[in-house]
Amino acid sequence: QGVDVGEWVARRDHRVLPLHDLDRSKTWLTTEKDYARHRHDVPGDLDLRRVHLRLRWADDGGQIEALLEGLFQGEVDTREPGQ
């Protein structure tokens, strides 16, 4: 997206971003999901931008489709628990 990433800081998913502790002299990038979660708490002097991510499968998703198809081929047990 035209951004030169000079430093990479990875955070585990579903963690609160330490917005007030981030260096104001830098531009920070985050996923759309995390941006939506934190957008109301972003300090006005913090340059936090959202990045659109898209997953592309090398085989156009053939392997994952086959895996999912295999999962859905199983029989579904519709009996009540304990029967």
Protein backbone atom coordinates (compact mmCIF):
# COMPACT_ATOMS: atom_id res chain seq x y z
CA GLN A 1 0.00 0.00 0.00
CA GLY A 2 2.97 2.25 -0.55
CA VAL A 3 4.25 2.33 3.02
CA ASP A 4 7.90 1.70 3.80
CA VAL A 5 7.93 -0.33 7.00
CA GLY A 6 11.03 0.53 8.99
CA GLU A 7 10.27 -1.42 12.15
CA TRP A 8 7.98 -4.34 12.90
CA VAL A 9 6.23 -4.76 16.26
CA ALA A 10 4.09 -7.88 16.54
CA ARG A 11 1.35 -8.18 19.11
CA ARG A 12 -0.77 -11.19 19.89
CA ASP A 13 -4.31 -11.11 18.56
CA HIS A 14 -7.11 -9.81 20.80
CA ARG A 15 -4.73 -7.73 22.91
CA VAL A 16 -5.38 -4.11 23.76
CA LEU A 17 -3.01 -1.78 21.92
CA PRO A 18 -0.98 0.46 24.26
CA LEU A 19 -2.10 3.56 22.36
CA HIS A 20 -0.92 6.09 24.94
CA ASP A 21 2.56 4.50 25.10
CA LEU A 22 3.25 4.53 21.34
CA ASP A 23 5.93 6.84 19.95
CA ARG A 24 4.18 9.89 18.45
CA SER A 25 7.02 10.52 15.98
CA LYS A 26 6.14 7.31 14.10
CA THR A 27 3.25 6.15 11.95
CA TRP A 28 1.64 2.99 13.31
CA LEU A 29 -0.18 0.42 11.21
CA THR A 30 -2.81 -2.02 12.42
CA THR A 31 -5.37 -4.34 10.91
CA GLU A 32 -8.85 -3.12 10.10
CA LYS A 33 -10.24 -5.33 12.87
CA ASP A 34 -7.97 -3.86 15.55
CA TYR A 35 -8.47 -0.35 14.23
CA ALA A 36 -12.25 -0.78 14.59
CA ARG A 37 -11.75 -2.02 18.15
CA HIS A 38 -9.53 0.93 19.17
CA ARG A 39 -10.63 3.81 16.94
CA HIS A 40 -12.53 5.67 19.67
CA ASP A 41 -9.50 5.61 21.98
CA VAL A 42 -6.82 6.86 19.55
CA PRO A 43 -5.16 10.01 20.88
CA GLY A 44 -5.41 12.92 18.46
CA ASP A 45 -1.64 13.22 18.10
CA LEU A 46 -1.12 9.53 17.24
CA ASP A 47 -0.84 8.59 13.55
CA LEU A 48 -2.54 5.17 13.58
CA ARG A 49 -3.56 3.82 10.19
CA ARG A 50 -5.46 0.72 9.23
CA VAL A 51 -4.11 -1.73 6.70
CA HIS A 52 -6.33 -3.83 4.47
CA LEU A 53 -5.11 -7.41 4.41
CA ARG A 54 -6.14 -10.01 1.89
CA LEU A 55 -5.27 -13.69 1.98
CA ARG A 56 -4.38 -15.24 -1.37
CA TRP A 57 -3.95 -18.98 -1.68
CA ALA A 58 -1.17 -20.18 -4.00
CA ASP A 59 -3.51 -22.82 -5.44
CA ASP A 60 -6.58 -20.53 -5.54
CA GLY A 61 -7.84 -22.21 -2.38
CA GLY A 62 -7.97 -25.76 -3.77
CA GLN A 63 -6.36 -27.42 -0.77
CA ILE A 64 -8.47 -25.61 1.82
CA GLU A 65 -11.62 -26.32 -0.20
CA ALA A 66 -10.74 -30.04 -0.28
CA LEU A 67 -10.12 -30.00 3.47
CA LEU A 68 -13.45 -28.32 4.16
CA GLU A 69 -15.26 -30.62 1.77
CA GLY A 70 -13.83 -33.60 3.66
CA LEU A 71 -15.05 -32.18 6.95
CA PHE A 72 -18.57 -31.71 5.62
CA GLN A 73 -18.79 -35.26 4.25
CA GLY A 74 -19.13 -36.75 7.74
CA GLU A 75 -22.48 -37.83 9.09
CA VAL A 76 -24.28 -35.48 11.41
CA ASP A 77 -25.62 -37.01 14.63
CA THR A 78 -29.08 -35.48 15.13
CA ARG A 79 -29.98 -37.56 18.16
CA GLU A 80 -30.62 -35.85 21.46
CA PRO A 81 -27.72 -36.07 23.91
CA GLY A 82 -27.85 -39.29 25.93
CA GLN A 83 -29.77 -41.29 23.30
